[in-house]
């Protein structure tokens, strides 16, 4: 029996963008099962709760679920390598947008390899029309009443609008 190749694509997905979706779709070609790991990462001050982010990612990848690759969306709050080991992942998939991403990711790969050299990190370059999309910028544009529709799905755009309005109302 052949061992199932499990890949892990981790992130905060606050919110999930078209760039994330593109990486998920392309990463699915590399593995038998792709786990999208939604990280707690409270240091980033998320707009959405963990549950909301997991739900958003599940909704967004819905159209991909009928392919050959198995998908799972799971929250995690522990060390990435521990989460990957718990899943039985053979690779961690990371998206790169720019050279500045590479420096950070290069350090992470070194540290992760020290923790478990059996799990490879695979980088996928952002598609040219997604290279500039960052969740942080999407939230900033939305906060300033800009149009985020080119960067996120209509479903996510509406969720962002509602979440920002809720923040305003509570302030």
C-alpha atoms as a PDB file:
ATOM      1  CA  UNK A   1       0.000   0.000   0.000  1.00  0.00           C
ATOM      2  CA  UNK A   2       1.365   3.394  -0.989  1.00  0.00           C
ATOM      3  CA  UNK A   3       1.666   6.003   1.726  1.00  0.00           C
ATOM      4  CA  UNK A   4      -0.666   8.963   1.258  1.00  0.00           C
ATOM      5  CA  UNK A   5       1.247  12.167   0.486  1.00  0.00           C
ATOM      6  CA  UNK A   6      -0.176  14.776   2.862  1.00  0.00           C
ATOM      7  CA  UNK A   7       0.649  18.430   2.365  1.00  0.00           C
ATOM      8  CA  UNK A   8       0.033  21.273   4.802  1.00  0.00           C
ATOM      9  CA  UNK A   9      -0.650  24.828   3.689  1.00  0.00           C
ATOM     10  CA  UNK A  10      -0.599  26.967   6.849  1.00  0.00           C
ATOM     11  CA  UNK A  11      -1.683  30.576   7.290  1.00  0.00           C
ATOM     12  CA  UNK A  12      -3.901  32.926   9.240  1.00  0.00           C
ATOM     13  CA  UNK A  13      -6.274  33.514   6.301  1.00  0.00           C
ATOM     14  CA  UNK A  14      -7.636  36.740   7.783  1.00  0.00           C
ATOM     15  CA  UNK A  15      -9.309  36.973   5.310  1.00  0.00           C
ATOM     16  CA  UNK A  16      -8.682  34.250   2.738  1.00  0.00           C
ATOM     17  CA  UNK A  17      -7.778  35.912  -0.576  1.00  0.00           C
ATOM     18  CA  UNK A  18      -7.739  34.967  -4.238  1.00  0.00           C
ATOM     19  CA  UNK A  19      -3.976  34.553  -3.814  1.00  0.00           C
ATOM     20  CA  UNK A  20      -4.525  31.936  -1.095  1.00  0.00           C
ATOM     21  CA  UNK A  21      -7.063  30.156  -3.282  1.00  0.00           C
ATOM     22  CA  UNK A  22      -4.598  30.073  -6.170  1.00  0.00           C
ATOM     23  CA  UNK A  23      -1.893  28.489  -3.994  1.00  0.00           C
ATOM     24  CA  UNK A  24      -4.385  25.953  -2.585  1.00  0.00           C
ATOM     25  CA  UNK A  25      -5.534  24.978  -6.078  1.00  0.00           C
ATOM     26  CA  UNK A  26      -1.953  24.563  -7.325  1.00  0.00           C
ATOM     27  CA  UNK A  27      -0.742  22.782  -4.165  1.00  0.00           C
ATOM     28  CA  UNK A  28      -3.514  20.215  -4.566  1.00  0.00           C
ATOM     29  CA  UNK A  29      -1.717  18.945  -7.689  1.00  0.00           C
ATOM     30  CA  UNK A  30       1.290  17.951  -5.561  1.00  0.00           C
ATOM     31  CA  UNK A  31      -0.351  15.829  -2.866  1.00  0.00           C
ATOM     32  CA  UNK A  32      -3.007  13.201  -2.245  1.00  0.00           C
ATOM     33  CA  UNK A  33      -4.414  15.182   0.663  1.00  0.00           C
ATOM     34  CA  UNK A  34      -4.061  18.892   1.379  1.00  0.00           C
ATOM     35  CA  UNK A  35      -4.677  20.210   4.857  1.00  0.00           C
ATOM     36  CA  UNK A  36      -5.209  23.950   5.069  1.00  0.00           C
ATOM     37  CA  UNK A  37      -4.044  24.816   8.565  1.00  0.00           C
ATOM     38  CA  UNK A  38      -5.618  27.953   9.993  1.00  0.00           C
ATOM     39  CA  UNK A  39      -3.273  29.417  12.607  1.00  0.00           C
ATOM     40  CA  UNK A  40      -4.331  31.294  15.722  1.00  0.00           C
ATOM     41  CA  UNK A  41      -1.628  33.993  15.447  1.00  0.00           C
ATOM     42  CA  UNK A  42      -3.199  36.536  17.785  1.00  0.00           C
ATOM     43  CA  UNK A  43      -0.132  38.736  17.299  1.00  0.00           C
ATOM     44  CA  UNK A  44      -1.555  39.783  13.925  1.00  0.00           C
ATOM     45  CA  UNK A  45      -4.774  41.068  15.549  1.00  0.00           C
ATOM     46  CA  UNK A  46      -7.213  39.070  13.395  1.00  0.00           C
ATOM     47  CA  UNK A  47     -10.423  40.647  12.139  1.00  0.00           C
ATOM     48  CA  UNK A  48     -12.143  37.254  12.205  1.00  0.00           C
ATOM     49  CA  UNK A  49     -12.322  34.600  14.910  1.00  0.00           C
ATOM     50  CA  UNK A  50     -10.649  31.257  14.369  1.00  0.00           C
ATOM     51  CA  UNK A  51     -14.032  29.645  13.688  1.00  0.00           C
ATOM     52  CA  UNK A  52     -14.945  32.296  11.116  1.00  0.00           C
ATOM     53  CA  UNK A  53     -11.613  31.911   9.308  1.00  0.00           C
ATOM     54  CA  UNK A  54     -11.939  28.114   9.184  1.00  0.00           C
ATOM     55  CA  UNK A  55     -15.490  28.461   7.841  1.00  0.00           C
ATOM     56  CA  UNK A  56     -14.386  31.015   5.217  1.00  0.00           C
ATOM     57  CA  UNK A  57     -11.594  28.763   3.956  1.00  0.00           C
ATOM     58  CA  UNK A  58     -13.981  25.782   3.781  1.00  0.00           C
ATOM     59  CA  UNK A  59     -16.460  27.838   1.762  1.00  0.00           C
ATOM     60  CA  UNK A  60     -13.773  29.101  -0.606  1.00  0.00           C
ATOM     61  CA  UNK A  61     -12.259  25.698  -1.378  1.00  0.00           C
ATOM     62  CA  UNK A  62     -15.670  24.086  -1.883  1.00  0.00           C
ATOM     63  CA  UNK A  63     -15.344  24.041  -5.693  1.00  0.00           C
ATOM     64  CA  UNK A  64     -12.048  22.121  -5.435  1.00  0.00           C
ATOM     65  CA  UNK A  65     -13.351  19.292  -3.268  1.00  0.00           C
ATOM     66  CA  UNK A  66     -14.673  17.208  -6.162  1.00  0.00           C
ATOM     67  CA  UNK A  67     -11.205  16.585  -7.626  1.00  0.00           C
ATOM     68  CA  UNK A  68      -8.727  13.782  -6.975  1.00  0.00           C
ATOM     69  CA  UNK A  69      -7.161  15.498  -3.952  1.00  0.00           C
ATOM     70  CA  UNK A  70      -8.697  15.150  -0.515  1.00  0.00           C
ATOM     71  CA  UNK A  71      -9.047  18.433   1.415  1.00  0.00           C
ATOM     72  CA  UNK A  72      -9.309  19.256   5.078  1.00  0.00           C
ATOM     73  CA  UNK A  73      -9.359  22.599   6.894  1.00  0.00           C
ATOM     74  CA  UNK A  74      -8.113  22.470  10.478  1.00  0.00           C
ATOM     75  CA  UNK A  75      -7.345  25.125  13.067  1.00  0.00           C
ATOM     76  CA  UNK A  76      -4.072  24.916  14.986  1.00  0.00           C
ATOM     77  CA  UNK A  77      -2.409  26.786  17.806  1.00  0.00           C
ATOM     78  CA  UNK A  78       0.716  24.735  18.373  1.00  0.00           C
ATOM     79  CA  UNK A  79       4.118  24.805  16.700  1.00  0.00           C
ATOM     80  CA  UNK A  80       3.787  24.380  12.919  1.00  0.00           C
ATOM     81  CA  UNK A  81       6.154  21.399  12.810  1.00  0.00           C
ATOM     82  CA  UNK A  82       4.289  19.667  15.632  1.00  0.00           C
ATOM     83  CA  UNK A  83       1.016  20.205  13.768  1.00  0.00           C
ATOM     84  CA  UNK A  84       2.584  18.870  10.557  1.00  0.00           C
ATOM     85  CA  UNK A  85       3.895  15.782  12.379  1.00  0.00           C
ATOM     86  CA  UNK A  86       0.485  15.161  13.987  1.00  0.00           C
ATOM     87  CA  UNK A  87      -1.071  15.206  10.499  1.00  0.00           C
ATOM     88  CA  UNK A  88       1.571  12.919   9.027  1.00  0.00           C
ATOM     89  CA  UNK A  89       2.440  15.631   6.508  1.00  0.00           C
ATOM     90  CA  UNK A  90       5.373  15.061   4.170  1.00  0.00           C
ATOM     91  CA  UNK A  91       5.501  18.674   3.030  1.00  0.00           C
ATOM     92  CA  UNK A  92       4.631  22.185   4.072  1.00  0.00           C
ATOM     93  CA  UNK A  93       3.512  24.422   1.235  1.00  0.00           C
ATOM     94  CA  UNK A  94       4.229  28.120   1.349  1.00  0.00           C
ATOM     95  CA  UNK A  95       3.387  30.861  -1.109  1.00  0.00           C
ATOM     96  CA  UNK A  96       5.939  33.497  -2.039  1.00  0.00           C
ATOM     97  CA  UNK A  97       4.904  36.894  -3.348  1.00  0.00           C
ATOM     98  CA  UNK A  98       8.145  38.856  -3.328  1.00  0.00           C
ATOM     99  CA  UNK A  99      11.808  38.755  -2.356  1.00  0.00           C
ATOM    100  CA  UNK A 100      10.892  40.131   1.078  1.00  0.00           C
ATOM    101  CA  UNK A 101       8.781  36.995   1.698  1.00  0.00           C
ATOM    102  CA  UNK A 102      11.759  34.821   0.802  1.00  0.00           C
ATOM    103  CA  UNK A 103      13.990  36.155   3.583  1.00  0.00           C
ATOM    104  CA  UNK A 104      11.439  35.344   6.273  1.00  0.00           C
ATOM    105  CA  UNK A 105      10.533  31.979   4.739  1.00  0.00           C
ATOM    106  CA  UNK A 106      14.219  31.045   4.334  1.00  0.00           C
ATOM    107  CA  UNK A 107      14.724  31.462   8.090  1.00  0.00           C
ATOM    108  CA  UNK A 108      11.602  29.441   8.822  1.00  0.00           C
ATOM    109  CA  UNK A 109      12.755  26.571   6.598  1.00  0.00           C
ATOM    110  CA  UNK A 110      16.060  26.416   8.458  1.00  0.00           C
ATOM    111  CA  UNK A 111      14.375  26.306  11.847  1.00  0.00           C
ATOM    112  CA  UNK A 112      11.752  23.803  10.708  1.00  0.00           C
ATOM    113  CA  UNK A 113      14.422  21.521   9.225  1.00  0.00           C
ATOM    114  CA  UNK A 114      16.163  21.467  12.609  1.00  0.00           C
ATOM    115  CA  UNK A 115      12.897  20.435  14.246  1.00  0.00           C
ATOM    116  CA  UNK A 116      12.106  17.738  11.668  1.00  0.00           C
ATOM    117  CA  UNK A 117      14.257  17.180   8.599  1.00  0.00           C
ATOM    118  CA  UNK A 118      11.800  14.611   7.208  1.00  0.00           C
ATOM    119  CA  UNK A 119       9.195  17.250   6.315  1.00  0.00           C
ATOM    120  CA  UNK A 120      10.059  19.247   3.207  1.00  0.00           C
ATOM    121  CA  UNK A 121       9.013  22.825   2.566  1.00  0.00           C
ATOM    122  CA  UNK A 122       7.820  23.550  -0.957  1.00  0.00           C
ATOM    123  CA  UNK A 123       7.469  27.116  -2.214  1.00  0.00           C
ATOM    124  CA  UNK A 124       4.963  28.120  -4.852  1.00  0.00           C
ATOM    125  CA  UNK A 125       5.445  31.512  -6.415  1.00  0.00           C
ATOM    126  CA  UNK A 126       2.332  33.634  -6.449  1.00  0.00           C
ATOM    127  CA  UNK A 127       0.759  33.903  -9.875  1.00  0.00           C
ATOM    128  CA  UNK A 128       1.549  37.229 -11.494  1.00  0.00           C
ATOM    129  CA  UNK A 129      -1.954  38.594 -10.930  1.00  0.00           C
ATOM    130  CA  UNK A 130      -1.825  37.691  -7.215  1.00  0.00           C
ATOM    131  CA  UNK A 131       1.707  38.781  -6.253  1.00  0.00           C
ATOM    132  CA  UNK A 132       0.622  41.953  -4.487  1.00  0.00           C
ATOM    133  CA  UNK A 133      -2.362  40.560  -2.559  1.00  0.00           C
ATOM    134  CA  UNK A 134      -1.912  40.402   1.207  1.00  0.00           C
ATOM    135  CA  UNK A 135      -4.687  39.946   3.764  1.00  0.00           C
ATOM    136  CA  UNK A 136      -3.275  42.877   5.731  1.00  0.00           C
ATOM    137  CA  UNK A 137      -3.634  45.169   2.705  1.00  0.00           C
ATOM    138  CA  UNK A 138      -7.116  43.861   1.908  1.00  0.00           C
ATOM    139  CA  UNK A 139      -8.241  44.789   5.441  1.00  0.00           C
ATOM    140  CA  UNK A 140      -6.596  48.207   5.168  1.00  0.00           C
ATOM    141  CA  UNK A 141      -8.286  48.942   1.827  1.00  0.00           C
ATOM    142  CA  UNK A 142     -11.651  47.817   3.189  1.00  0.00           C
ATOM    143  CA  UNK A 143     -11.235  49.909   6.352  1.00  0.00           C
ATOM    144  CA  UNK A 144     -10.710  52.967   4.155  1.00  0.00           C
ATOM    145  CA  UNK A 145     -13.844  52.130   2.088  1.00  0.00           C
ATOM    146  CA  UNK A 146     -11.880  50.901  -0.923  1.00  0.00           C
ATOM    147  CA  UNK A 147     -13.004  48.163  -3.303  1.00  0.00           C
ATOM    148  CA  UNK A 148     -11.593  44.767  -2.267  1.00  0.00           C
ATOM    149  CA  UNK A 149     -13.533  42.749  -4.856  1.00  0.00           C
ATOM    150  CA  UNK A 150     -10.483  42.242  -7.118  1.00  0.00           C
ATOM    151  CA  UNK A 151      -8.633  40.536  -4.229  1.00  0.00           C
ATOM    152  CA  UNK A 152     -11.252  38.340  -2.536  1.00  0.00           C
ATOM    153  CA  UNK A 153     -14.391  36.452  -3.520  1.00  0.00           C
ATOM    154  CA  UNK A 154     -17.764  38.234  -3.234  1.00  0.00           C
ATOM    155  CA  UNK A 155     -18.559  36.041  -0.188  1.00  0.00           C
ATOM    156  CA  UNK A 156     -15.395  37.108   1.606  1.00  0.00           C
ATOM    157  CA  UNK A 157     -15.833  40.764   0.608  1.00  0.00           C
ATOM    158  CA  UNK A 158     -19.272  40.760   2.236  1.00  0.00           C
ATOM    159  CA  UNK A 159     -17.914  39.111   5.396  1.00  0.00           C
ATOM    160  CA  UNK A 160     -15.168  41.750   5.624  1.00  0.00           C
ATOM    161  CA  UNK A 161     -17.706  44.554   5.159  1.00  0.00           C
ATOM    162  CA  UNK A 162     -19.953  43.133   7.897  1.00  0.00           C
ATOM    163  CA  UNK A 163     -17.037  42.549  10.306  1.00  0.00           C
ATOM    164  CA  UNK A 164     -15.719  46.090   9.837  1.00  0.00           C
ATOM    165  CA  UNK A 165     -19.206  47.555  10.330  1.00  0.00           C
ATOM    166  CA  UNK A 166     -19.551  45.512  13.524  1.00  0.00           C
ATOM    167  CA  UNK A 167     -16.217  46.909  14.745  1.00  0.00           C
ATOM    168  CA  UNK A 168     -17.411  50.462  14.038  1.00  0.00           C
ATOM    169  CA  UNK A 169     -20.703  49.867  15.822  1.00  0.00           C
ATOM    170  CA  UNK A 170     -18.904  48.490  18.888  1.00  0.00           C
ATOM    171  CA  UNK A 171     -16.451  51.401  19.033  1.00  0.00           C
END
